[in-house]
Amino acid sequence: MENNDLPGKRKLAKDAKQDGDRNIALRMFVGAVFDMSWQLAIVVLVPIIGGFELDKHFHTTPILVIVGFVIAMLGTFVVIKRMFLEYSNSSVKQVKESKEHKEKL
């Protein structure tokens, strides 16, 4: 009877390991989302609001708002690209380190 239980225990251990990997990936994803969200908020809001305020001050047409919008779009691209490169490299390293740590235990 113990021989029949052994494959079931292996399956449970494998499922637990996969759940742990999913939890790590989920935590990394949530962290990346929060990190990127505040950066995007700054990169988008500052140039657009700045352009609006400068337009009010200089009594110009909405040309500075448009310039701010273009700067915001370029900044958004830079932030997304940087975050993608940073987290794609670090996520692979972190998952490998986590697996190595679990294997040692």
PDB file of N, CA and C in Angstrom:
ATOM      1  N   MET A   1       0.808  -1.186   0.000  1.00  0.00           N
ATOM      2  CA  MET A   1       0.000   0.000   0.000  1.00  0.00           C
ATOM      3  C   MET A   1       0.861   1.264   0.000  1.00  0.00           C
ATOM      4  N   GLU A   2       2.008   1.219   0.640  1.00  0.00           N
ATOM      5  CA  GLU A   2       2.874   2.380   0.656  1.00  0.00           C
ATOM      6  C   GLU A   2       3.420   2.687  -0.726  1.00  0.00           C
ATOM      7  N   ASN A   3       3.655   1.653  -1.536  1.00  0.00           N
ATOM      8  CA  ASN A   3       4.153   1.887  -2.889  1.00  0.00           C
ATOM      9  C   ASN A   3       3.146   2.649  -3.731  1.00  0.00           C
ATOM     10  N   ASN A   4       1.847   2.404  -3.512  1.00  0.00           N
ATOM     11  CA  ASN A   4       0.820   3.121  -4.254  1.00  0.00           C
ATOM     12  C   ASN A   4       0.733   4.582  -3.825  1.00  0.00           C
ATOM     13  N   ASP A   5       1.046   4.855  -2.562  1.00  0.00           N
ATOM     14  CA  ASP A   5       0.969   6.223  -2.054  1.00  0.00           C
ATOM     15  C   ASP A   5       2.151   7.073  -2.519  1.00  0.00           C
ATOM     16  N   LEU A   6       3.279   6.447  -2.825  1.00  0.00           N
ATOM     17  CA  LEU A   6       4.485   7.173  -3.182  1.00  0.00           C
ATOM     18  C   LEU A   6       4.308   8.040  -4.426  1.00  0.00           C
ATOM     19  N   PRO A   7       3.732   7.564  -5.525  1.00  0.00           N
ATOM     20  CA  PRO A   7       3.527   8.457  -6.676  1.00  0.00           C
ATOM     21  C   PRO A   7       2.604   9.630  -6.349  1.00  0.00           C
ATOM     22  N   GLY A   8       1.620   9.401  -5.504  1.00  0.00           N
ATOM     23  CA  GLY A   8       0.729  10.483  -5.102  1.00  0.00           C
ATOM     24  C   GLY A   8       1.463  11.553  -4.314  1.00  0.00           C
ATOM     25  N   LYS A   9       2.382  11.142  -3.446  1.00  0.00           N
ATOM     26  CA  LYS A   9       3.166  12.102  -2.670  1.00  0.00           C
ATOM     27  C   LYS A   9       4.091  12.897  -3.577  1.00  0.00           C
ATOM     28  N   ARG A  10       4.670  12.214  -4.578  1.00  0.00           N
ATOM     29  CA  ARG A  10       5.522  12.927  -5.524  1.00  0.00           C
ATOM     30  C   ARG A  10       4.723  13.966  -6.295  1.00  0.00           C
ATOM     31  N   LYS A  11       3.508  13.596  -6.668  1.00  0.00           N
ATOM     32  CA  LYS A  11       2.654  14.530  -7.407  1.00  0.00           C
ATOM     33  C   LYS A  11       2.308  15.729  -6.538  1.00  0.00           C
ATOM     34  N   LEU A  12       2.010  15.493  -5.251  1.00  0.00           N
ATOM     35  CA  LEU A  12       1.706  16.600  -4.351  1.00  0.00           C
ATOM     36  C   LEU A  12       2.909  17.510  -4.166  1.00  0.00           C
ATOM     37  N   ALA A  13       4.097  16.931  -4.051  1.00  0.00           N
ATOM     38  CA  ALA A  13       5.309  17.730  -3.888  1.00  0.00           C
ATOM     39  C   ALA A  13       5.559  18.561  -5.141  1.00  0.00           C
ATOM     40  N   LYS A  14       5.332  17.968  -6.307  1.00  0.00           N
ATOM     41  CA  LYS A  14       5.519  18.691  -7.559  1.00  0.00           C
ATOM     42  C   LYS A  14       4.514  19.833  -7.673  1.00  0.00           C
ATOM     43  N   ASP A  15       3.257  19.572  -7.294  1.00  0.00           N
ATOM     44  CA  ASP A  15       2.232  20.622  -7.332  1.00  0.00           C
ATOM     45  C   ASP A  15       2.578  21.762  -6.384  1.00  0.00           C
ATOM     46  N   ALA A  16       3.087  21.426  -5.191  1.00  0.00           N
ATOM     47  CA  ALA A  16       3.459  22.452  -4.214  1.00  0.00           C
ATOM     48  C   ALA A  16       4.601  23.307  -4.755  1.00  0.00           C
ATOM     49  N   LYS A  17       5.555  22.665  -5.431  1.00  0.00           N
ATOM     50  CA  LYS A  17       6.670  23.405  -6.003  1.00  0.00           C
ATOM     51  C   LYS A  17       6.183  24.359  -7.091  1.00  0.00           C
ATOM     52  N   GLN A  18       5.259  23.899  -7.932  1.00  0.00           N
ATOM     53  CA  GLN A  18       4.718  24.752  -8.984  1.00  0.00           C
ATOM     54  C   GLN A  18       3.934  25.922  -8.385  1.00  0.00           C
ATOM     55  N   ASP A  19       3.189  25.664  -7.309  1.00  0.00           N
ATOM     56  CA  ASP A  19       2.462  26.749  -6.642  1.00  0.00           C
ATOM     57  C   ASP A  19       3.425  27.788  -6.081  1.00  0.00           C
ATOM     58  N   GLY A  20       4.542  27.330  -5.524  1.00  0.00           N
ATOM     59  CA  GLY A  20       5.553  28.251  -5.004  1.00  0.00           C
ATOM     60  C   GLY A  20       6.143  29.111  -6.102  1.00  0.00           C
ATOM     61  N   ASP A  21       6.421  28.496  -7.255  1.00  0.00           N
ATOM     62  CA  ASP A  21       6.946  29.246  -8.390  1.00  0.00           C
ATOM     63  C   ASP A  21       5.921  30.271  -8.886  1.00  0.00           C
ATOM     64  N   ARG A  22       4.654  29.877  -8.884  1.00  0.00           N
ATOM     65  CA  ARG A  22       3.603  30.812  -9.310  1.00  0.00           C
ATOM     66  C   ARG A  22       3.493  31.988  -8.343  1.00  0.00           C
ATOM     67  N   ASN A  23       3.615  31.707  -7.043  1.00  0.00           N
ATOM     68  CA  ASN A  23       3.545  32.785  -6.050  1.00  0.00           C
ATOM     69  C   ASN A  23       4.698  33.767  -6.227  1.00  0.00           C
ATOM     70  N   ILE A  24       5.888  33.248  -6.515  1.00  0.00           N
ATOM     71  CA  ILE A  24       7.040  34.113  -6.739  1.00  0.00           C
ATOM     72  C   ILE A  24       6.801  34.984  -7.963  1.00  0.00           C
ATOM     73  N   ALA A  25       6.324  34.354  -9.027  1.00  0.00           N
ATOM     74  CA  ALA A  25       6.066  35.107 -10.261  1.00  0.00           C
ATOM     75  C   ALA A  25       4.975  36.150 -10.046  1.00  0.00           C
ATOM     76  N   LEU A  26       3.958  35.816  -9.286  1.00  0.00           N
ATOM     77  CA  LEU A  26       2.876  36.762  -9.017  1.00  0.00           C
ATOM     78  C   LEU A  26       3.378  37.951  -8.208  1.00  0.00           C
ATOM     79  N   ARG A  27       4.182  37.688  -7.192  1.00  0.00           N
ATOM     80  CA  ARG A  27       4.737  38.778  -6.385  1.00  0.00           C
ATOM     81  C   ARG A  27       5.622  39.690  -7.234  1.00  0.00           C
ATOM     82  N   MET A  28       6.412  39.101  -8.117  1.00  0.00           N
ATOM     83  CA  MET A  28       7.273  39.896  -8.984  1.00  0.00           C
ATOM     84  C   MET A  28       6.437  40.744  -9.936  1.00  0.00           C
ATOM     85  N   PHE A  29       5.362  40.165 -10.458  1.00  0.00           N
ATOM     86  CA  PHE A  29       4.500  40.891 -11.382  1.00  0.00           C
ATOM     87  C   PHE A  29       3.825  42.067 -10.685  1.00  0.00           C
ATOM     88  N   VAL A  30       3.288  41.837  -9.505  1.00  0.00           N
ATOM     89  CA  VAL A  30       2.612  42.909  -8.767  1.00  0.00           C
ATOM     90  C   VAL A  30       3.608  44.015  -8.414  1.00  0.00           C
ATOM     91  N   GLY A  31       4.799  43.639  -8.005  1.00  0.00           N
ATOM     92  CA  GLY A  31       5.826  44.628  -7.706  1.00  0.00           C
ATOM     93  C   GLY A  31       6.200  45.452  -8.922  1.00  0.00           C
ATOM     94  N   ALA A  32       6.313  44.792 -10.062  1.00  0.00           N
ATOM     95  CA  ALA A  32       6.645  45.488 -11.304  1.00  0.00           C
ATOM     96  C   ALA A  32       5.537  46.452 -11.703  1.00  0.00           C
ATOM     97  N   VAL A  33       4.290  46.037 -11.525  1.00  0.00           N
ATOM     98  CA  VAL A  33       3.157  46.891 -11.883  1.00  0.00           C
ATOM     99  C   VAL A  33       3.140  48.149 -11.020  1.00  0.00           C
ATOM    100  N   PHE A  34       3.323  47.985  -9.706  1.00  0.00           N
ATOM    101  CA  PHE A  34       3.338  49.166  -8.835  1.00  0.00           C
ATOM    102  C   PHE A  34       4.525  50.070  -9.136  1.00  0.00           C
ATOM    103  N   ASP A  35       5.677  49.470  -9.398  1.00  0.00           N
ATOM    104  CA  ASP A  35       6.862  50.253  -9.701  1.00  0.00           C
ATOM    105  C   ASP A  35       6.679  51.049 -10.987  1.00  0.00           C
ATOM    106  N   MET A  36       6.131  50.402 -11.992  1.00  0.00           N
ATOM    107  CA  MET A  36       5.932  51.075 -13.275  1.00  0.00           C
ATOM    108  C   MET A  36       4.816  52.113 -13.202  1.00  0.00           C
ATOM    109  N   SER A  37       3.802  51.878 -12.392  1.00  0.00           N
ATOM    110  CA  SER A  37       2.653  52.793 -12.362  1.00  0.00           C
ATOM    111  C   SER A  37       3.033  54.173 -11.836  1.00  0.00           C
ATOM    112  N   TRP A  38       3.817  54.251 -10.776  1.00  0.00           N
ATOM    113  CA  TRP A  38       4.168  55.576 -10.273  1.00  0.00           C
ATOM    114  C   TRP A  38       5.118  56.285 -11.234  1.00  0.00           C
ATOM    115  N   GLN A  39       6.002  55.529 -11.896  1.00  0.00           N
ATOM    116  CA  GLN A  39       6.897  56.151 -12.869  1.00  0.00           C
ATOM    117  C   GLN A  39       6.111  56.699 -14.067  1.00  0.00           C
ATOM    118  N   LEU A  40       5.144  55.923 -14.533  1.00  0.00           N
ATOM    119  CA  LEU A  40       4.329  56.382 -15.656  1.00  0.00           C
ATOM    120  C   LEU A  40       3.487  57.596 -15.269  1.00  0.00           C
ATOM    121  N   ALA A  41       2.984  57.610 -14.050  1.00  0.00           N
ATOM    122  CA  ALA A  41       2.186  58.753 -13.608  1.00  0.00           C
ATOM    123  C   ALA A  41       3.014  60.034 -13.656  1.00  0.00           C
ATOM    124  N   ILE A  42       4.240  59.964 -13.193  1.00  0.00           N
ATOM    125  CA  ILE A  42       5.106  61.146 -13.204  1.00  0.00           C
ATOM    126  C   ILE A  42       5.464  61.542 -14.629  1.00  0.00           C
ATOM    127  N   VAL A  43       5.845  60.546 -15.435  1.00  0.00           N
ATOM    128  CA  VAL A  43       6.291  60.819 -16.804  1.00  0.00           C
ATOM    129  C   VAL A  43       5.161  61.399 -17.654  1.00  0.00           C
ATOM    130  N   VAL A  44       3.928  61.021 -17.378  1.00  0.00           N
ATOM    131  CA  VAL A  44       2.800  61.515 -18.173  1.00  0.00           C
ATOM    132  C   VAL A  44       2.262  62.832 -17.621  1.00  0.00           C
ATOM    133  N   LEU A  45       2.068  62.904 -16.325  1.00  0.00           N
ATOM    134  CA  LEU A  45       1.409  64.082 -15.745  1.00  0.00           C
ATOM    135  C   LEU A  45       2.268  65.339 -15.750  1.00  0.00           C
ATOM    136  N   VAL A  46       3.532  65.212 -15.427  1.00  0.00           N
ATOM    137  CA  VAL A  46       4.386  66.405 -15.313  1.00  0.00           C
ATOM    138  C   VAL A  46       4.495  67.169 -16.629  1.00  0.00           C
ATOM    139  N   PRO A  47       4.824  66.525 -17.757  1.00  0.00           N
ATOM    140  CA  PRO A  47       4.916  67.320 -18.994  1.00  0.00           C
ATOM    141  C   PRO A  47       3.579  67.902 -19.459  1.00  0.00           C
ATOM    142  N   ILE A  48       2.499  67.155 -19.299  1.00  0.00           N
ATOM    143  CA  ILE A  48       1.207  67.667 -19.770  1.00  0.00           C
ATOM    144  C   ILE A  48       0.717  68.813 -18.898  1.00  0.00           C
ATOM    145  N   ILE A  49       0.775  68.643 -17.589  1.00  0.00           N
ATOM    146  CA  ILE A  49       0.354  69.721 -16.688  1.00  0.00           C
ATOM    147  C   ILE A  49       1.298  70.914 -16.815  1.00  0.00           C
ATOM    148  N   GLY A  50       2.591  70.634 -16.958  1.00  0.00           N
ATOM    149  CA  GLY A  50       3.548  71.723 -17.155  1.00  0.00           C
ATOM    150  C   GLY A  50       3.261  72.498 -18.426  1.00  0.00           C
ATOM    151  N   GLY A  51       2.956  71.797 -19.508  1.00  0.00           N
ATOM    152  CA  GLY A  51       2.612  72.467 -20.759  1.00  0.00           C
ATOM    153  C   GLY A  51       1.357  73.301 -20.624  1.00  0.00           C
ATOM    154  N   PHE A  52       0.375  72.783 -19.909  1.00  0.00           N
ATOM    155  CA  PHE A  52      -0.871  73.519 -19.693  1.00  0.00           C
ATOM    156  C   PHE A  52      -0.621  74.791 -18.898  1.00  0.00           C
ATOM    157  N   GLU A  53       0.138  74.675 -17.839  1.00  0.00           N
ATOM    158  CA  GLU A  53       0.420  75.842 -16.996  1.00  0.00           C
ATOM    159  C   GLU A  53       1.260  76.882 -17.748  1.00  0.00           C
ATOM    160  N   LEU A  54       2.221  76.411 -18.554  1.00  0.00           N
ATOM    161  CA  LEU A  54       3.020  77.352 -19.343  1.00  0.00           C
ATOM    162  C   LEU A  54       2.170  78.043 -20.406  1.00  0.00           C
ATOM    163  N   ASP A  55       1.216  77.309 -20.990  1.00  0.00           N
ATOM    164  CA  ASP A  55       0.303  77.924 -21.948  1.00  0.00           C
ATOM    165  C   ASP A  55      -0.539  79.015 -21.279  1.00  0.00           C
ATOM    166  N   LYS A  56      -0.991  78.755 -20.063  1.00  0.00           N
ATOM    167  CA  LYS A  56      -1.759  79.772 -19.342  1.00  0.00           C
ATOM    168  C   LYS A  56      -0.900  81.001 -19.053  1.00  0.00           C
ATOM    169  N   HIS A  57       0.337  80.754 -18.646  1.00  0.00           N
ATOM    170  CA  HIS A  57       1.217  81.852 -18.269  1.00  0.00           C
ATOM    171  C   HIS A  57       1.581  82.726 -19.469  1.00  0.00           C
ATOM    172  N   PHE A  58       1.891  82.110 -20.588  1.00  0.00           N
ATOM    173  CA  PHE A  58       2.324  82.854 -21.772  1.00  0.00           C
ATOM    174  C   PHE A  58       1.181  83.213 -22.714  1.00  0.00           C
ATOM    175  N   HIS A  59      -0.043  82.819 -22.367  1.00  0.00           N
ATOM    176  CA  HIS A  59      -1.228  83.083 -23.193  1.00  0.00           C
ATOM    177  C   HIS A  59      -1.025  82.618 -24.640  1.00  0.00           C
ATOM    178  N   THR A  60      -0.547  81.412 -24.765  1.00  0.00           N
ATOM    179  CA  THR A  60      -0.301  80.840 -26.090  1.00  0.00           C
ATOM    180  C   THR A  60      -1.404  79.842 -26.427  1.00  0.00           C
ATOM    181  N   THR A  61      -1.392  79.453 -27.668  1.00  0.00           N
ATOM    182  CA  THR A  61      -2.313  78.388 -28.078  1.00  0.00           C
ATOM    183  C   THR A  61      -1.836  77.091 -27.422  1.00  0.00           C
ATOM    184  N   PRO A  62      -2.591  76.039 -27.514  1.00  0.00           N
ATOM    185  CA  PRO A  62      -2.193  74.820 -26.781  1.00  0.00           C
ATOM    186  C   PRO A  62      -0.974  74.106 -27.361  1.00  0.00           C
ATOM    187  N   ILE A  63      -0.040  74.877 -27.899  1.00  0.00           N
ATOM    188  CA  ILE A  63       1.151  74.253 -28.474  1.00  0.00           C
ATOM    189  C   ILE A  63       2.019  73.599 -27.401  1.00  0.00           C
ATOM    190  N   LEU A  64       2.128  74.207 -26.232  1.00  0.00           N
ATOM    191  CA  LEU A  64       2.965  73.626 -25.176  1.00  0.00           C
ATOM    192  C   LEU A  64       2.316  72.392 -24.552  1.00  0.00           C
ATOM    193  N   VAL A  65       0.996  72.324 -24.561  1.00  0.00           N
ATOM    194  CA  VAL A  65       0.324  71.108 -24.104  1.00  0.00           C
ATOM    195  C   VAL A  65       0.624  69.973 -25.082  1.00  0.00           C
ATOM    196  N   ILE A  66       0.612  70.306 -26.366  1.00  0.00           N
ATOM    197  CA  ILE A  66       0.923  69.286 -27.378  1.00  0.00           C
ATOM    198  C   ILE A  66       2.375  68.829 -27.243  1.00  0.00           C
ATOM    199  N   VAL A  67       3.284  69.764 -27.017  1.00  0.00           N
ATOM    200  CA  VAL A  67       4.690  69.408 -26.799  1.00  0.00           C
ATOM    201  C   VAL A  67       4.816  68.536 -25.548  1.00  0.00           C
ATOM    202  N   GLY A  68       4.106  68.907 -24.490  1.00  0.00           N
ATOM    203  CA  GLY A  68       4.110  68.090 -23.273  1.00  0.00           C
ATOM    204  C   GLY A  68       3.570  66.693 -23.518  1.00  0.00           C
ATOM    205  N   PHE A  69       2.547  66.595 -24.340  1.00  0.00           N
ATOM    206  CA  PHE A  69       1.974  65.287 -24.671  1.00  0.00           C
ATOM    207  C   PHE A  69       2.990  64.427 -25.423  1.00  0.00           C
ATOM    208  N   VAL A  70       3.696  65.019 -26.367  1.00  0.00           N
ATOM    209  CA  VAL A  70       4.721  64.274 -27.121  1.00  0.00           C
ATOM    210  C   VAL A  70       5.843  63.823 -26.189  1.00  0.00           C
ATOM    211  N   ILE A  71       6.267  64.702 -25.304  1.00  0.00           N
ATOM    212  CA  ILE A  71       7.295  64.333 -24.323  1.00  0.00           C
ATOM    213  C   ILE A  71       6.785  63.205 -23.429  1.00  0.00           C
ATOM    214  N   ALA A  72       5.523  63.276 -23.032  1.00  0.00           N
ATOM    215  CA  ALA A  72       4.943  62.227 -22.190  1.00  0.00           C
ATOM    216  C   ALA A  72       4.923  60.882 -22.915  1.00  0.00           C
ATOM    217  N   MET A  73       4.596  60.888 -24.193  1.00  0.00           N
ATOM    218  CA  MET A  73       4.568  59.629 -24.958  1.00  0.00           C
ATOM    219  C   MET A  73       5.967  59.043 -25.108  1.00  0.00           C
ATOM    220  N   LEU A  74       6.946  59.894 -25.363  1.00  0.00           N
ATOM    221  CA  LEU A  74       8.329  59.412 -25.445  1.00  0.00           C
ATOM    222  C   LEU A  74       8.790  58.862 -24.092  1.00  0.00           C
ATOM    223  N   GLY A  75       8.463  59.579 -23.032  1.00  0.00           N
ATOM    224  CA  GLY A  75       8.813  59.105 -21.692  1.00  0.00           C
ATOM    225  C   GLY A  75       8.139  57.795 -21.344  1.00  0.00           C
ATOM    226  N   THR A  76       6.895  57.631 -21.764  1.00  0.00           N
ATOM    227  CA  THR A  76       6.173  56.381 -21.520  1.00  0.00           C
ATOM    228  C   THR A  76       6.869  55.220 -22.216  1.00  0.00           C
ATOM    229  N   PHE A  77       7.267  55.438 -23.449  1.00  0.00           N
ATOM    230  CA  PHE A  77       7.991  54.401 -24.188  1.00  0.00           C
ATOM    231  C   PHE A  77       9.280  54.023 -23.474  1.00  0.00           C
ATOM    232  N   VAL A  78      10.028  55.015 -23.011  1.00  0.00           N
ATOM    233  CA  VAL A  78      11.293  54.759 -22.322  1.00  0.00           C
ATOM    234  C   VAL A  78      11.056  53.978 -21.030  1.00  0.00           C
ATOM    235  N   VAL A  79      10.060  54.373 -20.241  1.00  0.00           N
ATOM    236  CA  VAL A  79       9.782  53.686 -18.977  1.00  0.00           C
ATOM    237  C   VAL A  79       9.371  52.239 -19.228  1.00  0.00           C
ATOM    238  N   ILE A  80       8.483  52.015 -20.174  1.00  0.00           N
ATOM    239  CA  ILE A  80       8.015  50.655 -20.443  1.00  0.00           C
ATOM    240  C   ILE A  80       9.161  49.787 -20.951  1.00  0.00           C
ATOM    241  N   LYS A  81       9.973  50.322 -21.837  1.00  0.00           N
ATOM    242  CA  LYS A  81      11.102  49.551 -22.365  1.00  0.00           C
ATOM    243  C   LYS A  81      12.093  49.207 -21.252  1.00  0.00           C
ATOM    244  N   ARG A  82      12.417  50.194 -20.422  1.00  0.00           N
ATOM    245  CA  ARG A  82      13.369  49.967 -19.334  1.00  0.00           C
ATOM    246  C   ARG A  82      12.847  48.941 -18.329  1.00  0.00           C
ATOM    247  N   MET A  83      11.572  49.061 -17.974  1.00  0.00           N
ATOM    248  CA  MET A  83      10.988  48.122 -17.026  1.00  0.00           C
ATOM    249  C   MET A  83      10.934  46.717 -17.614  1.00  0.00           C
ATOM    250  N   PHE A  84      10.590  46.620 -18.892  1.00  0.00           N
ATOM    251  CA  PHE A  84      10.540  45.312 -19.530  1.00  0.00           C
ATOM    252  C   PHE A  84      11.912  44.652 -19.503  1.00  0.00           C
ATOM    253  N   LEU A  85      12.954  45.384 -19.881  1.00  0.00           N
ATOM    254  CA  LEU A  85      14.303  44.817 -19.880  1.00  0.00           C
ATOM    255  C   LEU A  85      14.765  44.460 -18.472  1.00  0.00           C
ATOM    256  N   GLU A  86      14.477  45.335 -17.527  1.00  0.00           N
ATOM    257  CA  GLU A  86      14.905  45.102 -16.146  1.00  0.00           C
ATOM    258  C   GLU A  86      14.242  43.859 -15.553  1.00  0.00           C
ATOM    259  N   TYR A  87      12.924  43.752 -15.708  1.00  0.00           N
ATOM    260  CA  TYR A  87      12.221  42.644 -15.082  1.00  0.00           C
ATOM    261  C   TYR A  87      12.316  41.349 -15.868  1.00  0.00           C
ATOM    262  N   SER A  88      12.553  41.419 -17.157  1.00  0.00           N
ATOM    263  CA  SER A  88      12.722  40.168 -17.893  1.00  0.00           C
ATOM    264  C   SER A  88      14.046  39.511 -17.508  1.00  0.00           C
ATOM    265  N   ASN A  89      15.073  40.303 -17.271  1.00  0.00           N
ATOM    266  CA  ASN A  89      16.358  39.749 -16.846  1.00  0.00           C
ATOM    267  C   ASN A  89      16.334  39.330 -15.386  1.00  0.00           C
ATOM    268  N   SER A  90      15.765  40.152 -14.524  1.00  0.00           N
ATOM    269  CA  SER A  90      15.777  39.842 -13.094  1.00  0.00           C
ATOM    270  C   SER A  90      14.823  38.713 -12.747  1.00  0.00           C
ATOM    271  N   SER A  91      13.734  38.567 -13.491  1.00  0.00           N
ATOM    272  CA  SER A  91      12.783  37.506 -13.169  1.00  0.00           C
ATOM    273  C   SER A  91      13.398  36.138 -13.405  1.00  0.00           C
ATOM    274  N   VAL A  92      14.164  35.990 -14.460  1.00  0.00           N
ATOM    275  CA  VAL A  92      14.814  34.712 -14.733  1.00  0.00           C
ATOM    276  C   VAL A  92      15.819  34.406 -13.636  1.00  0.00           C
ATOM    277  N   LYS A  93      16.610  35.397 -13.237  1.00  0.00           N
ATOM    278  CA  LYS A  93      17.596  35.198 -12.176  1.00  0.00           C
ATOM    279  C   LYS A  93      16.921  34.857 -10.854  1.00  0.00           C
ATOM    280  N   GLN A  94      15.848  35.564 -10.520  1.00  0.00           N
ATOM    281  CA  GLN A  94      15.191  35.364  -9.235  1.00  0.00           C
ATOM    282  C   GLN A  94      14.526  33.992  -9.152  1.00  0.00           C
ATOM    283  N   VAL A  95      13.926  33.534 -10.225  1.00  0.00           N
ATOM    284  CA  VAL A  95      13.298  32.215 -10.218  1.00  0.00           C
ATOM    285  C   VAL A  95      14.365  31.144 -10.072  1.00  0.00           C
ATOM    286  N   LYS A  96      15.497  31.297 -10.759  1.00  0.00           N
ATOM    287  CA  LYS A  96      16.584  30.326 -10.638  1.00  0.00           C
ATOM    288  C   LYS A  96      17.132  30.294  -9.221  1.00  0.00           C
ATOM    289  N   GLU A  97      17.332  31.478  -8.632  1.00  0.00           N
ATOM    290  CA  GLU A  97      17.836  31.542  -7.265  1.00  0.00           C
ATOM    291  C   GLU A  97      16.850  30.915  -6.290  1.00  0.00           C
ATOM    292  N   SER A  98      15.567  31.138  -6.503  1.00  0.00           N
ATOM    293  CA  SER A  98      14.551  30.565  -5.629  1.00  0.00           C
ATOM    294  C   SER A  98      14.550  29.051  -5.732  1.00  0.00           C
ATOM    295  N   LYS A  99      14.675  28.535  -6.924  1.00  0.00           N
ATOM    296  CA  LYS A  99      14.704  27.081  -7.107  1.00  0.00           C
ATOM    297  C   LYS A  99      15.934  26.489  -6.442  1.00  0.00           C
ATOM    298  N   GLU A 100      17.091  27.145  -6.594  1.00  0.00           N
ATOM    299  CA  GLU A 100      18.310  26.654  -5.965  1.00  0.00           C
ATOM    300  C   GLU A 100      18.181  26.664  -4.448  1.00  0.00           C
ATOM    301  N   HIS A 101      17.566  27.712  -3.908  1.00  0.00           N
ATOM    302  CA  HIS A 101      17.375  27.811  -2.469  1.00  0.00           C
ATOM    303  C   HIS A 101      16.451  26.703  -1.958  1.00  0.00           C
ATOM    304  N   LYS A 102      15.382  26.434  -2.690  1.00  0.00           N
ATOM    305  CA  LYS A 102      14.448  25.386  -2.290  1.00  0.00           C
ATOM    306  C   LYS A 102      15.088  24.015  -2.359  1.00  0.00           C
ATOM    307  N   GLU A 103      15.951  23.798  -3.352  1.00  0.00           N
ATOM    308  CA  GLU A 103      16.624  22.511  -3.486  1.00  0.00           C
ATOM    309  C   GLU A 103      17.590  22.270  -2.333  1.00  0.00           C
ATOM    310  N   LYS A 104      18.212  23.343  -1.818  1.00  0.00           N
ATOM    311  CA  LYS A 104      19.136  23.208  -0.694  1.00  0.00           C
ATOM    312  C   LYS A 104      18.398  22.821   0.577  1.00  0.00           C
ATOM    313  N   LEU A 105      17.161  23.281   0.693  1.00  0.00           N
ATOM    314  CA  LEU A 105      16.374  22.970   1.886  1.00  0.00           C
ATOM    315  C   LEU A 105      15.893  21.565   1.776  1.00  0.00           C
TER     316      LEU A 105
END
